[in-house]
Protein backbone atom coordinates (compact mmCIF):
# COMPACT_ATOMS: atom_id res chain seq x y z
CA MET A 1 134.08 154.55 98.95
CA SER A 2 136.02 151.79 100.13
CA LYS A 3 139.01 150.35 97.77
CA SER A 4 136.83 146.94 97.86
CA LEU A 5 133.80 148.45 96.65
CA LYS A 6 135.18 150.89 94.14
CA GLN A 7 136.88 147.26 92.36
CA GLU A 8 133.35 145.75 92.33
CA GLN A 9 131.80 148.44 90.70
CA ASP A 10 134.69 148.84 88.01
CA HIS A 11 134.41 145.00 87.38
CA LEU A 12 130.69 145.41 87.32
CA PHE A 13 130.50 148.09 85.07
CA THR A 14 133.44 146.71 82.54
CA ASP A 15 130.61 143.69 82.29
CA LEU A 16 128.17 145.90 81.39
CA GLU A 17 130.09 147.55 78.63
CA ASP A 18 131.09 144.55 77.36
CA ILE A 19 127.11 144.16 76.68
CA LEU A 20 125.45 147.48 75.84
CA PRO A 21 126.44 149.43 72.83
CA ASN A 22 129.77 151.86 72.41
CA ASP A 23 127.37 154.96 72.37
CA ILE A 24 125.94 154.06 76.14
CA GLU A 25 128.61 155.41 78.97
CA LEU A 26 128.46 154.24 82.58
CA SER A 27 128.92 156.23 85.47
CA TYR A 28 129.11 155.47 89.36
CA GLU A 29 125.72 158.16 89.59
CA THR A 30 124.47 155.07 87.46
CA ARG A 31 124.47 152.56 90.95
CA GLY A 32 121.51 153.27 92.79
CA LYS A 33 120.45 156.83 92.74
CA LYS A 34 120.86 158.56 89.01
CA THR A 35 120.16 156.02 86.10
CA SER A 36 121.11 157.04 82.84
CA SER A 37 118.10 157.68 80.15
CA LYS A 38 120.32 155.64 78.09
CA ILE A 39 120.30 152.51 80.08
CA LEU A 40 116.80 152.66 80.40
CA SER A 41 116.39 152.49 76.46
CA ARG A 42 118.15 149.70 76.08
CA THR A 43 116.42 146.96 73.66
CA GLU A 44 114.98 143.78 74.36
CA GLU A 45 117.98 141.84 72.98
CA GLU A 46 119.96 143.84 74.94
CA LYS A 47 118.59 143.15 78.12
CA ALA A 48 118.32 139.37 77.41
CA ALA A 49 122.17 139.04 76.41
CA MET A 50 123.02 140.82 80.36
CA HIS A 51 120.15 138.96 81.77
CA LYS A 52 121.82 135.37 80.33
CA LYS A 53 125.14 136.97 81.05
CA TYR A 54 124.34 137.16 84.84
CA SER A 55 122.46 134.42 85.03
CA ASP A 56 124.74 131.97 84.12
CA ALA A 57 127.40 133.20 86.26
CA ALA A 58 125.04 133.11 89.11
CA LYS A 59 124.65 128.89 88.25
CA GLY A 60 126.09 126.64 90.92
CA ASN A 61 126.75 130.10 93.18
CA GLN A 62 126.56 128.90 96.76
CA ASN A 63 127.21 132.17 98.68
CA GLY A 64 125.32 132.62 101.45
CA LYS A 65 124.56 129.16 102.06
CA GLY A 66 124.03 127.45 105.36
CA HIS A 67 124.31 131.67 106.45
CA ILE A 68 121.56 132.23 109.61
CA LYS A 69 120.44 135.70 109.81
CA SER A 70 121.00 137.15 113.43
CA GLU A 71 117.84 137.85 115.11
CA GLU A 72 118.78 141.78 114.97
CA THR A 73 118.73 141.21 111.07
CA ARG A 74 115.56 139.79 111.04
CA LYS A 75 113.91 142.17 112.99
CA LYS A 76 115.21 145.32 110.71
CA LEU A 77 114.25 143.34 108.10
CA SER A 78 110.81 143.01 109.40
CA GLU A 79 110.41 146.40 110.17
CA ALA A 80 111.92 147.39 106.73
CA ASN A 81 108.97 145.33 104.75
CA LYS A 82 106.08 146.52 107.33
CA GLY A 83 103.47 147.89 105.38
CA LYS A 84 104.69 147.10 101.72
CA PRO A 85 102.36 144.90 99.59
CA SER A 86 103.55 141.44 98.82
CA ILE A 87 105.78 141.37 95.52
CA HIS A 88 103.29 138.61 94.56
CA LYS A 89 100.11 140.74 95.16
CA GLY A 90 98.10 140.94 92.09
CA LYS A 91 100.04 138.33 89.93
CA ILE A 92 97.91 135.54 88.44
CA LYS A 93 100.07 132.39 87.88
CA SER A 94 99.60 131.09 84.49
CA GLU A 95 97.56 127.16 83.78
CA GLU A 96 101.27 126.15 82.59
CA THR A 97 102.74 127.39 85.90
CA ARG A 98 100.17 126.17 87.84
CA GLN A 99 100.31 122.63 86.17
CA ARG A 100 103.98 122.67 86.54
CA MET A 101 103.78 123.69 90.79
CA SER A 102 101.28 121.10 90.97
CA ASP A 103 103.34 117.74 89.00
CA SER A 104 106.52 119.16 91.61
CA ARG A 105 104.25 118.49 94.66
CA LYS A 106 103.12 115.05 93.84
CA GLY A 107 104.12 111.82 95.17
CA ILE A 108 105.76 113.79 98.03
CA VAL A 109 105.14 111.93 101.19
CA PHE A 110 106.23 112.76 104.50
CA THR A 111 107.62 110.63 106.81
CA GLU A 112 106.32 110.44 110.42
CA GLU A 113 108.91 112.32 112.19
CA HIS A 114 107.86 115.34 109.75
CA CYS A 115 103.95 114.48 110.39
CA LYS A 116 105.28 114.41 114.36
CA ASN A 117 106.88 117.81 113.82
CA ILE A 118 104.35 119.62 112.02
CA GLY A 119 101.71 118.81 115.22
CA LEU A 120 104.17 120.11 117.39
CA ALA A 121 104.51 123.27 115.40
CA ASN A 122 101.23 124.00 115.76
CA LYS A 123 100.29 122.98 119.29
CA GLY A 124 98.73 125.52 121.42
CA LYS A 125 98.51 128.05 118.61
CA THR A 126 95.06 129.58 118.90
CA VAL A 127 93.03 131.33 116.39
CA SER A 128 91.90 134.88 117.02
CA GLU A 129 88.06 136.01 115.90
CA GLU A 130 89.27 138.35 113.60
CA THR A 131 91.52 135.78 111.59
CA ARG A 132 88.14 133.47 112.31
CA LYS A 133 86.19 135.78 110.75
CA LYS A 134 88.18 136.93 107.72
CA LEU A 135 88.81 133.12 106.82
CA SER A 136 84.83 132.55 106.99
CA GLU A 137 84.46 135.49 104.76
CA ALA A 138 87.18 133.75 102.22
CA SER A 139 85.25 130.68 101.67
CA LYS A 140 82.15 132.06 101.38
CA ARG A 141 83.20 134.26 98.63
CA ASN A 142 84.92 131.03 97.02
CA GLY A 143 81.32 129.70 97.41
CA ASN A 144 82.43 127.36 99.84
CA LYS A 145 79.72 125.96 102.36
CA PRO A 146 80.78 126.05 106.26
CA PRO A 147 81.78 123.09 107.74
CA ILE A 148 79.02 121.33 110.38
CA SER A 149 80.98 122.15 113.61
CA ASN A 150 80.09 120.33 116.70
CA PRO A 151 82.05 122.15 119.49
CA LYS A 152 83.97 119.79 122.10
CA GLY A 153 81.11 119.21 125.34
CA SER A 154 77.94 120.31 123.09
CA LYS A 155 75.50 118.27 121.21
CA ARG A 156 74.67 117.81 117.75
CA ASP A 157 71.95 119.19 116.63
CA PRO A 158 69.42 116.32 116.05
CA SER A 159 68.15 117.44 113.23
CA ILE A 160 71.59 117.00 111.27
CA THR A 161 72.49 113.86 112.88
CA LYS A 162 69.31 112.84 110.58
CA LYS A 163 70.67 113.98 107.28
CA LEU A 164 73.73 112.55 107.92
CA MET A 165 72.54 109.20 108.85
CA LYS A 166 72.92 106.84 105.49
CA PRO A 167 70.37 103.92 105.73
CA ILE A 168 72.21 100.05 104.79
CA LYS A 169 71.31 97.19 103.81
CA THR A 170 72.94 93.63 104.60
CA MET A 171 72.39 89.87 104.32
CA ILE A 172 71.12 89.87 108.30
CA GLY A 173 68.74 92.93 107.47
CA VAL A 174 68.19 96.55 107.31
CA PHE A 175 69.82 99.17 109.35
CA PRO A 176 69.76 103.02 109.80
CA SER A 177 73.49 103.49 110.02
CA VAL A 178 76.27 101.93 109.95
CA LYS A 179 76.62 102.19 113.81
CA ASP A 180 73.66 100.30 114.02
CA ALA A 181 74.49 97.88 111.68
CA ILE A 182 77.78 97.05 113.24
CA ILE A 183 75.69 96.40 116.53
CA GLY A 184 73.24 94.14 114.52
CA TYR A 185 76.01 92.01 113.67
CA GLU A 186 77.20 91.80 117.35
CA GLN A 187 73.76 90.59 118.12
CA ALA A 188 73.72 87.95 115.28
CA GLY A 189 77.01 86.40 116.63
CA ILE A 190 79.42 87.97 114.19
CA PRO A 191 82.74 87.84 115.38
CA ASN A 192 84.83 91.00 114.26
CA ALA A 193 81.82 92.46 113.42
CA LYS A 194 82.86 96.32 112.31
CA LYS A 195 85.59 94.76 109.82
CA ARG A 196 83.00 91.96 108.80
CA LEU A 197 80.67 94.67 107.90
CA GLY A 198 83.58 96.88 105.86
CA ARG A 199 84.60 93.34 103.90
CA ASP A 200 81.05 92.90 102.74
CA LEU A 201 80.37 96.57 101.96
CA LYS A 202 83.64 96.45 100.02
CA GLU A 203 83.24 92.69 98.47
CA ASP A 204 79.94 91.68 98.66
CA LYS A 205 78.06 94.63 97.17
CA GLU A 206 75.10 92.37 95.81
CA ASN A 207 73.99 91.62 99.91
CA CYS A 208 75.54 94.42 101.53
CA TYR A 209 75.04 98.20 100.43
CA LYS A 210 73.63 102.07 101.40
CA ILE A 211 70.74 102.88 100.22
CA SER A 212 68.75 106.37 100.53
CA GLN A 213 66.49 107.37 103.55
CA GLU A 214 63.70 106.76 101.23
CA GLU A 215 64.62 103.34 100.57
CA TYR A 216 64.80 102.53 104.12
CA ILE A 217 61.20 103.73 105.28
CA LEU A 218 59.88 101.69 102.46
CA LEU A 219 61.79 98.51 103.22
CA THR A 220 60.92 98.77 107.13
CA GLY A 221 57.96 101.51 107.17
CA LYS A 222 60.18 103.16 110.01
CA GLU A 223 61.12 106.86 110.31
CA ILE A 224 64.69 107.36 110.77
């Protein structure tokens, strides 16, 4: 054992002896391999006192700050932890903890540069079929409905498109969708049709509002 390590252990045991009762003896065997049963049987008050002492000593300690582990060290850590369950596995956070976590994230706004960096980091990443299947199963377990997908280059099922359409009643007529309403505004010679429709929906709710498909059929006598 090196001199510096022995001095460190002596210092550690001295601190422990200051906290623990006199009838508890410490030896170098208690470090790692053979832990004395007397130490394990200390009371909750003794444990709390020990924890507070080392917690106070650690406050403001910046040892290791800015230290970057080498690729070799990272690889060793990765190999050592492979197959081991996460230390958080099976732990359920209390409502109070969840609320504190939620409050700590509120008000955080990512800068444009931050968002750009996130996009660049994820660019080119592909999700394997196995991962997709796991995500799908997890979503189903949580009661989430699968999203309506429309792969690039494919055509959406007309029946789905029909269900998604939201008719709209405006000051110039009734239209089967917002897109048709914009075209109607343009044909009526209204400038900036898209912006004007958006403003009417927001400010003129008596004359411009969305209606159900059933109401559209009753007003126009036409199927969507």
